[in-house]
């Protein structure tokens, strides 16, 4: 009887203990962590083969537009990948941050992150807590930064040879690596031209403008001490294509007849009134051209307009008679760079057109390049701290890759 009572008490205690226990299922949590690591490693493995001088180029075809890109630039490859997994997209953000901060090493950071994740997976499988692993990686990053500072070599900006070697190293793994002896000095000279000696650590690459022109080879790429426009001068009315001792104006208004503020139609039934309208339009445009010519201006750079035509055939006719070279449809985003280079002010209204707002240059001319023509402005007086690089190539794929490679070299020198 006593034995039966003891057995019942033990069974009751065991049942009570089981009721107090809580079961935690960690399988789902581990599966999510595993999926994130595997997705990030897959992205790293995709760009791993493009790393280094012996890295392979990738051919990327867009499913929507059908455009084809051939490159081994990690940032370009990752930007064109359609990724849905959050951890994989974080590696794309990592590459983009590296490209923004340093300009080069976009593939290296992704491959390094993939290797760390591969090693972390084995440590997690052995029972190491994720928080402990994260803290250890943070301490490791601090030690790595100290090691990099210890092995770094101070570089003098006057040592052009070392700067060229640094740029050539960045170009050695690119598709256009065979042109590194040409592109590396161009990158160094462009950065030095845009460098402010008072603030050598602050170089804005927006002061280095890259103009792409189809035709020729990469060997024809050059650094232009002035401005280059990837368009020809507007000489449909017989205007000049070459001007010496140029006085240049950057205008943001339209040399064309004004329009009504709202959309409406004006019906003219009398031919005399029609003749009067045409006469007033001619007088209006002729008055603007006379004001421009009175300042001595002989080169006009006209901003592209979305409201109405920036120039008309009639205004081009009068400007050609006044011997004024016209370059129209200048993009709004380029105005700041142009005015900084010419050391002049943009003119937003004809009433503000004065001689003190003009830029000066020795020569403005239209020259043939490849199958097209470009406009060059050379010998700019009091030129701002800017530089222009004219990139040439036999096809668009080569030109685009040369531009990306040149950007990496510019970032390294910066």
Protein backbone atom coordinates (compact mmCIF):
# COMPACT_ATOMS: atom_id res chain seq x y z
CA UNK A 1 0.00 0.00 0.00
CA UNK A 2 2.83 2.39 0.90
CA UNK A 3 4.70 1.46 -2.31
CA UNK A 4 1.63 2.22 -4.43
CA UNK A 5 1.19 5.58 -2.74
CA UNK A 6 4.86 6.51 -3.39
CA UNK A 7 4.59 5.53 -7.06
CA UNK A 8 1.46 7.66 -7.48
CA UNK A 9 3.19 10.65 -5.85
CA UNK A 10 6.21 10.28 -8.14
CA UNK A 11 3.98 10.09 -11.20
CA UNK A 12 2.09 13.19 -10.07
CA UNK A 13 5.36 15.12 -9.55
CA UNK A 14 6.65 14.06 -12.95
CA UNK A 15 3.41 15.19 -14.59
CA UNK A 16 3.60 18.56 -12.82
CA UNK A 17 7.20 19.02 -14.00
CA UNK A 18 6.21 18.34 -17.59
CA UNK A 19 3.39 20.88 -17.37
CA UNK A 20 5.84 23.61 -16.23
CA UNK A 21 8.26 23.06 -19.12
CA UNK A 22 8.10 25.24 -22.31
CA UNK A 23 9.13 23.90 -25.69
CA UNK A 24 10.93 26.34 -27.99
CA UNK A 25 11.18 25.50 -31.68
CA UNK A 26 14.41 27.08 -33.04
CA UNK A 27 14.31 25.32 -36.38
CA UNK A 28 12.40 28.10 -38.16
CA UNK A 29 14.74 30.77 -36.78
CA UNK A 30 17.78 28.82 -37.88
CA UNK A 31 16.26 28.25 -41.30
CA UNK A 32 15.72 32.00 -41.83
CA UNK A 33 19.31 32.76 -40.79
CA UNK A 34 20.58 30.01 -43.08
CA UNK A 35 18.52 31.34 -46.01
CA UNK A 36 19.91 34.87 -45.54
CA UNK A 37 23.51 33.65 -45.43
CA UNK A 38 23.11 31.37 -48.45
CA UNK A 39 21.47 34.15 -50.51
CA UNK A 40 24.27 36.60 -49.71
CA UNK A 41 26.90 33.97 -50.49
CA UNK A 42 25.23 33.28 -53.85
CA UNK A 43 25.56 36.95 -54.79
CA UNK A 44 29.21 36.98 -53.71
CA UNK A 45 29.92 33.84 -55.74
CA UNK A 46 28.32 35.46 -58.80
CA UNK A 47 30.86 38.30 -58.85
CA UNK A 48 33.81 36.35 -57.43
CA UNK A 49 34.99 35.23 -60.86
CA UNK A 50 35.30 38.85 -62.05
CA UNK A 51 37.80 39.82 -59.33
CA UNK A 52 41.39 40.68 -60.13
CA UNK A 53 43.46 41.06 -63.30
CA UNK A 54 42.50 37.55 -64.41
CA UNK A 55 38.83 38.04 -63.63
CA UNK A 56 36.32 37.20 -66.33
CA UNK A 57 33.97 39.71 -67.92
CA UNK A 58 30.22 39.34 -67.54
CA UNK A 59 27.70 39.77 -70.32
CA UNK A 60 24.44 41.11 -68.88
CA UNK A 61 21.29 41.30 -71.02
CA UNK A 62 18.28 43.31 -69.90
CA UNK A 63 15.05 41.33 -70.11
CA UNK A 64 12.92 44.44 -70.69
CA UNK A 65 14.94 46.56 -73.11
CA UNK A 66 17.30 43.92 -74.51
CA UNK A 67 20.37 46.09 -73.85
CA UNK A 68 23.63 44.18 -73.47
CA UNK A 69 26.44 45.25 -71.15
CA UNK A 70 29.88 43.64 -71.01
CA UNK A 71 31.80 44.53 -67.85
CA UNK A 72 33.67 43.17 -64.84
CA UNK A 73 32.81 46.12 -62.60
CA UNK A 74 31.18 44.73 -59.46
CA UNK A 75 28.90 47.72 -58.88
CA UNK A 76 27.56 47.58 -62.44
CA UNK A 77 26.96 43.82 -62.28
CA UNK A 78 25.10 44.02 -58.97
CA UNK A 79 22.98 47.00 -60.02
CA UNK A 80 21.69 45.05 -63.00
CA UNK A 81 20.81 41.94 -60.98
CA UNK A 82 17.14 41.50 -60.05
CA UNK A 83 17.30 40.52 -56.38
CA UNK A 84 14.36 39.97 -54.04
CA UNK A 85 16.05 38.44 -50.98
CA UNK A 86 16.73 41.19 -48.37
CA UNK A 87 20.17 39.91 -47.38
CA UNK A 88 21.25 39.72 -51.02
CA UNK A 89 20.05 43.27 -51.61
CA UNK A 90 22.15 44.40 -48.64
CA UNK A 91 25.26 43.31 -50.54
CA UNK A 92 24.14 45.48 -53.45
CA UNK A 93 23.85 48.42 -51.04
CA UNK A 94 27.30 47.56 -49.69
CA UNK A 95 28.78 47.69 -53.18
CA UNK A 96 26.99 50.97 -53.91
CA UNK A 97 28.35 52.51 -50.70
CA UNK A 98 31.87 51.41 -51.59
CA UNK A 99 31.49 52.91 -55.05
CA UNK A 100 30.30 56.20 -53.56
CA UNK A 101 33.04 56.39 -50.91
CA UNK A 102 36.07 55.02 -52.78
CA UNK A 103 35.00 54.45 -56.37
CA UNK A 104 36.90 51.17 -56.59
CA UNK A 105 36.91 47.85 -54.75
CA UNK A 106 33.20 47.22 -55.31
CA UNK A 107 33.82 43.56 -56.14
CA UNK A 108 36.34 43.07 -53.33
CA UNK A 109 33.97 44.15 -50.55
CA UNK A 110 31.25 41.77 -51.76
CA UNK A 111 33.67 38.84 -52.05
CA UNK A 112 35.09 39.62 -48.60
CA UNK A 113 31.58 39.77 -47.11
CA UNK A 114 30.75 36.42 -48.73
CA UNK A 115 33.88 34.82 -47.25
CA UNK A 116 33.06 36.14 -43.78
CA UNK A 117 29.54 34.75 -44.05
CA UNK A 118 30.88 31.37 -45.15
CA UNK A 119 33.12 31.18 -42.09
CA UNK A 120 30.37 32.52 -39.84
CA UNK A 121 28.06 29.72 -40.97
CA UNK A 122 30.48 27.07 -39.74
CA UNK A 123 30.87 28.86 -36.40
CA UNK A 124 27.11 29.12 -35.96
CA UNK A 125 26.76 25.42 -36.75
CA UNK A 126 29.25 24.63 -33.98
CA UNK A 127 27.03 26.39 -31.43
CA UNK A 128 28.47 29.92 -31.26
CA UNK A 129 25.84 32.52 -30.39
CA UNK A 130 25.11 35.07 -33.19
CA UNK A 131 25.58 38.03 -30.82
CA UNK A 132 29.04 36.84 -29.81
CA UNK A 133 29.95 36.39 -33.46
CA UNK A 134 28.72 39.88 -34.34
CA UNK A 135 30.74 41.46 -31.53
CA UNK A 136 33.84 39.56 -32.63
CA UNK A 137 33.45 40.75 -36.23
CA UNK A 138 33.10 44.34 -35.03
CA UNK A 139 36.34 44.10 -33.04
CA UNK A 140 37.97 42.49 -36.05
CA UNK A 141 36.98 45.43 -38.26
CA UNK A 142 38.62 47.88 -35.85
CA UNK A 143 41.83 45.84 -35.87
CA UNK A 144 41.74 45.70 -39.67
CA UNK A 145 41.44 49.50 -39.91
CA UNK A 146 44.43 49.90 -37.58
CA UNK A 147 46.44 47.46 -39.70
CA UNK A 148 45.60 49.35 -42.89
CA UNK A 149 46.65 52.66 -41.35
CA UNK A 150 49.92 51.07 -40.19
CA UNK A 151 50.84 49.80 -43.66
CA UNK A 152 49.68 52.92 -45.55
CA UNK A 153 52.29 55.14 -47.21
CA UNK A 154 51.86 58.95 -47.22
CA UNK A 155 51.62 60.31 -50.75
CA UNK A 156 52.61 63.77 -51.94
CA UNK A 157 50.38 65.31 -54.60
CA UNK A 158 53.49 66.56 -56.39
CA UNK A 159 54.59 62.95 -56.92
CA UNK A 160 52.78 62.46 -60.23
CA UNK A 161 54.50 59.15 -60.94
CA UNK A 162 53.05 57.48 -57.84
CA UNK A 163 49.59 58.83 -58.64
CA UNK A 164 49.80 57.40 -62.16
CA UNK A 165 50.83 54.01 -60.74
CA UNK A 166 47.85 54.03 -58.38
CA UNK A 167 45.47 54.83 -61.23
CA UNK A 168 47.07 52.16 -63.44
CA UNK A 169 46.58 49.58 -60.67
CA UNK A 170 42.86 50.39 -60.56
CA UNK A 171 42.67 49.99 -64.35
CA UNK A 172 44.62 46.73 -64.48
CA UNK A 173 41.53 44.56 -63.90
CA UNK A 174 39.23 46.39 -66.32
CA UNK A 175 38.16 45.46 -69.82
CA UNK A 176 40.19 48.40 -71.14
CA UNK A 177 43.29 47.49 -69.11
CA UNK A 178 45.44 47.55 -72.26
CA UNK A 179 44.83 51.31 -72.41
CA UNK A 180 45.90 51.95 -68.80
CA UNK A 181 49.07 53.72 -69.97
CA UNK A 182 46.81 56.32 -71.63
CA UNK A 183 43.87 56.54 -69.23
CA UNK A 184 45.90 56.63 -65.98
CA UNK A 185 47.78 59.90 -66.81
CA UNK A 186 44.52 61.43 -68.06
CA UNK A 187 42.80 60.59 -64.76
CA UNK A 188 45.67 62.06 -62.73
CA UNK A 189 45.85 65.27 -64.78
CA UNK A 190 42.06 65.69 -64.63
CA UNK A 191 41.98 65.42 -60.83
CA UNK A 192 44.96 67.75 -60.43
CA UNK A 193 43.25 70.28 -62.72
CA UNK A 194 40.13 70.23 -60.52
CA UNK A 195 42.10 70.23 -57.25
CA UNK A 196 42.03 73.24 -54.95
CA UNK A 197 45.48 73.53 -53.32
CA UNK A 198 43.91 75.05 -50.22
CA UNK A 199 41.72 71.95 -49.73
CA UNK A 200 43.57 69.00 -51.29
CA UNK A 201 41.35 66.46 -49.51
CA UNK A 202 38.15 67.81 -51.07
CA UNK A 203 37.93 66.98 -54.77
CA UNK A 204 34.46 67.09 -56.30
CA UNK A 205 34.36 64.72 -59.27
CA UNK A 206 31.46 66.73 -60.65
CA UNK A 207 34.17 69.19 -61.71
CA UNK A 208 35.52 66.52 -64.08
CA UNK A 209 33.15 66.12 -67.02
CA UNK A 210 33.31 63.03 -69.22
CA UNK A 211 31.98 63.46 -72.78
CA UNK A 212 31.45 60.29 -74.83
CA UNK A 213 31.72 60.36 -78.62
CA UNK A 214 31.29 57.39 -80.91
CA UNK A 215 34.04 56.87 -83.47
CA UNK A 216 37.74 56.10 -83.40
CA UNK A 217 39.31 53.99 -80.66
CA UNK A 218 40.06 54.39 -76.97
CA UNK A 219 43.54 55.55 -78.04
CA UNK A 220 41.88 58.76 -79.26
CA UNK A 221 40.65 59.62 -75.74
CA UNK A 222 42.04 62.97 -74.63
CA UNK A 223 41.99 65.50 -71.81
CA UNK A 224 40.66 68.83 -73.06
CA UNK A 225 41.77 72.04 -71.36
CA UNK A 226 38.45 73.71 -71.97
CA UNK A 227 34.92 72.67 -72.88
CA UNK A 228 33.52 70.08 -75.29
CA UNK A 229 29.92 69.88 -76.52
CA UNK A 230 28.73 66.62 -78.06
CA UNK A 231 26.76 68.47 -80.71
CA UNK A 232 27.44 70.65 -83.70
CA UNK A 233 26.92 74.38 -83.95
CA UNK A 234 23.57 75.56 -85.29
CA UNK A 235 24.62 76.88 -88.68
CA UNK A 236 21.50 76.02 -90.69
CA UNK A 237 21.19 79.71 -91.59
CA UNK A 238 24.85 80.01 -92.58
CA UNK A 239 26.23 80.99 -89.17
CA UNK A 240 29.93 80.78 -88.30
CA UNK A 241 31.56 77.55 -87.14
CA UNK A 242 34.84 79.09 -85.94
CA UNK A 243 35.27 82.18 -83.77
CA UNK A 244 38.54 83.60 -82.46
CA UNK A 245 38.74 85.91 -79.43
CA UNK A 246 35.35 84.62 -78.40
CA UNK A 247 33.03 86.39 -75.97
CA UNK A 248 30.71 83.69 -74.69
CA UNK A 249 27.27 84.04 -73.12
CA UNK A 250 25.33 81.28 -71.37
CA UNK A 251 21.66 82.17 -71.75
CA UNK A 252 18.65 80.61 -70.06
CA UNK A 253 15.96 82.47 -71.98
CA UNK A 254 14.39 81.79 -75.37
CA UNK A 255 15.25 83.76 -78.49
CA UNK A 256 11.86 83.11 -80.04
CA UNK A 257 8.44 84.79 -80.15
CA UNK A 258 6.59 84.69 -76.81
CA UNK A 259 3.56 82.52 -76.24
CA UNK A 260 0.45 82.98 -74.16
CA UNK A 261 0.56 81.90 -70.53
CA UNK A 262 -2.32 79.45 -70.98
CA UNK A 263 -3.16 77.09 -73.80
CA UNK A 264 -5.46 78.88 -76.20
CA UNK A 265 -5.76 79.51 -79.90
CA UNK A 266 -5.75 82.88 -81.63
CA UNK A 267 -7.74 83.08 -84.85
CA UNK A 268 -6.67 85.75 -87.35
CA UNK A 269 -8.91 86.13 -90.39
CA UNK A 270 -7.48 89.35 -91.82
CA UNK A 271 -4.30 89.03 -93.88
CA UNK A 272 -3.26 92.54 -92.82
CA UNK A 273 -3.37 91.50 -89.16
CA UNK A 274 -1.40 88.36 -90.01
CA UNK A 275 1.25 90.48 -91.70
CA UNK A 276 1.37 92.71 -88.63
CA UNK A 277 1.88 89.70 -86.32
CA UNK A 278 4.76 88.43 -88.46
CA UNK A 279 6.30 91.90 -88.56
CA UNK A 280 6.09 92.22 -84.78
CA UNK A 281 7.73 88.81 -84.35
CA UNK A 282 10.60 89.85 -86.60
CA UNK A 283 11.05 93.13 -84.75
CA UNK A 284 10.93 91.34 -81.38
CA UNK A 285 13.65 88.85 -82.33
CA UNK A 286 15.73 91.48 -84.13
CA UNK A 287 15.65 93.68 -81.02
CA UNK A 288 16.97 90.80 -78.89
CA UNK A 289 19.76 90.04 -81.37
CA UNK A 290 20.80 93.72 -81.44
CA UNK A 291 21.04 93.80 -77.64
CA UNK A 292 23.18 90.66 -77.70
CA UNK A 293 25.46 92.02 -80.43
CA UNK A 294 25.84 95.37 -78.64
CA UNK A 295 27.72 93.68 -75.78
CA UNK A 296 30.29 92.23 -78.19
CA UNK A 297 29.05 88.66 -77.68
CA UNK A 298 29.91 86.36 -80.59
CA UNK A 299 29.18 82.90 -79.08
CA UNK A 300 25.83 81.87 -77.58
CA UNK A 301 25.28 78.75 -75.46
CA UNK A 302 21.49 78.38 -75.19
CA UNK A 303 19.90 76.19 -72.52
CA UNK A 304 17.37 73.61 -73.64
CA UNK A 305 13.79 74.79 -73.17
CA UNK A 306 10.69 72.74 -72.42
CA UNK A 307 8.17 75.58 -72.66
CA UNK A 308 8.80 76.66 -76.24
CA UNK A 309 11.52 76.58 -78.86
CA UNK A 310 14.77 78.01 -77.51
CA UNK A 311 15.58 79.35 -80.98
CA UNK A 312 13.69 79.46 -84.26
CA UNK A 313 14.85 79.50 -87.86
CA UNK A 314 14.21 83.24 -87.95
CA UNK A 315 16.33 83.92 -84.85
CA UNK A 316 19.11 81.69 -86.22
CA UNK A 317 18.97 83.73 -89.44
CA UNK A 318 19.46 87.02 -87.59
CA UNK A 319 22.18 85.54 -85.35
CA UNK A 320 24.01 84.25 -88.42
CA UNK A 321 23.88 87.73 -89.96
CA UNK A 322 25.37 89.09 -86.74
CA UNK A 323 28.22 86.52 -87.02
CA UNK A 324 27.29 84.85 -83.73
CA UNK A 325 28.06 81.15 -83.27
CA UNK A 326 25.16 79.30 -81.62
CA UNK A 327 25.19 76.06 -79.63
CA UNK A 328 21.63 75.19 -78.64
CA UNK A 329 19.96 72.57 -76.45
CA UNK A 330 22.53 72.74 -73.66
CA UNK A 331 21.28 70.54 -70.82
CA UNK A 332 20.16 72.26 -67.62
CA UNK A 333 22.38 69.99 -65.50
CA UNK A 334 25.48 71.16 -67.40
CA UNK A 335 24.93 74.89 -66.84
CA UNK A 336 26.72 74.99 -63.47
CA UNK A 337 29.78 73.19 -64.85
CA UNK A 338 29.90 75.41 -67.95
CA UNK A 339 29.64 78.68 -66.03
CA UNK A 340 32.27 77.54 -63.53
CA UNK A 341 34.64 76.62 -66.35
CA UNK A 342 34.08 79.85 -68.29
CA UNK A 343 34.13 81.93 -65.09
CA UNK A 344 30.94 83.70 -66.15
CA UNK A 345 27.34 84.06 -65.01
CA UNK A 346 24.23 82.55 -66.62
CA UNK A 347 21.84 85.12 -68.08
CA UNK A 348 18.16 84.48 -67.40
CA UNK A 349 16.68 87.54 -69.12
CA UNK A 350 17.56 89.66 -72.13
CA UNK A 351 17.34 92.78 -69.96
CA UNK A 352 20.23 91.44 -67.84
CA UNK A 353 22.48 90.82 -70.85
CA UNK A 354 25.67 92.73 -70.02
CA UNK A 355 29.30 92.44 -71.03
CA UNK A 356 30.48 91.71 -67.48
CA UNK A 357 28.53 88.42 -67.54
CA UNK A 358 30.41 87.05 -70.55
CA UNK A 359 33.20 84.49 -70.61
CA UNK A 360 36.27 84.83 -72.81
CA UNK A 361 38.21 82.26 -74.82
CA UNK A 362 40.84 82.27 -77.55
CA UNK A 363 39.01 79.90 -79.88
CA UNK A 364 35.60 78.30 -80.33
CA UNK A 365 35.29 75.96 -83.29
CA UNK A 366 33.34 73.03 -84.64
CA UNK A 367 35.56 70.05 -85.47
CA UNK A 368 34.77 66.67 -87.07
CA UNK A 369 35.08 63.65 -84.78
CA UNK A 370 34.28 60.18 -86.08
CA UNK A 371 30.98 60.25 -87.94
CA UNK A 372 29.80 63.44 -86.25
CA UNK A 373 30.99 66.85 -85.13
CA UNK A 374 31.68 68.49 -81.78
CA UNK A 375 32.24 72.04 -80.56
CA UNK A 376 35.43 72.82 -78.63
CA UNK A 377 36.15 75.90 -76.54
CA UNK A 378 39.89 76.34 -76.02
CA UNK A 379 42.10 78.91 -74.33
CA UNK A 380 39.56 80.02 -71.72
CA UNK A 381 40.60 83.15 -69.81
CA UNK A 382 40.60 82.74 -66.01
CA UNK A 383 39.36 79.17 -66.38
CA UNK A 384 37.80 77.58 -63.31
CA UNK A 385 39.16 74.45 -61.64
CA UNK A 386 37.49 71.96 -63.95
CA UNK A 387 38.52 69.41 -66.56
CA UNK A 388 36.86 67.72 -69.53
CA UNK A 389 37.71 64.25 -70.81
CA UNK A 390 36.64 63.27 -74.32
CA UNK A 391 36.20 59.47 -74.40
CA UNK A 392 36.27 57.79 -77.80
CA UNK A 393 35.47 54.24 -78.85
CA UNK A 394 34.43 52.11 -81.79
CA UNK A 395 31.09 51.11 -80.24
CA UNK A 396 28.90 52.04 -77.30
CA UNK A 397 29.91 49.00 -75.22
CA UNK A 398 33.57 50.00 -75.33
CA UNK A 399 32.78 53.66 -74.63
CA UNK A 400 30.59 52.84 -71.62
CA UNK A 401 33.19 50.49 -70.15
CA UNK A 402 35.95 53.06 -70.73
CA UNK A 403 33.85 55.65 -68.90
CA UNK A 404 33.29 53.30 -65.93
CA UNK A 405 36.99 52.44 -65.79
CA UNK A 406 37.97 56.09 -65.97
CA UNK A 407 35.56 56.87 -63.13
CA UNK A 408 37.24 54.25 -60.93
CA UNK A 409 40.67 55.69 -61.73
CA UNK A 410 39.47 59.21 -60.93
CA UNK A 411 38.12 58.04 -57.57
CA UNK A 412 41.40 56.31 -56.70
CA UNK A 413 43.44 59.44 -57.46
CA UNK A 414 40.96 61.60 -55.58
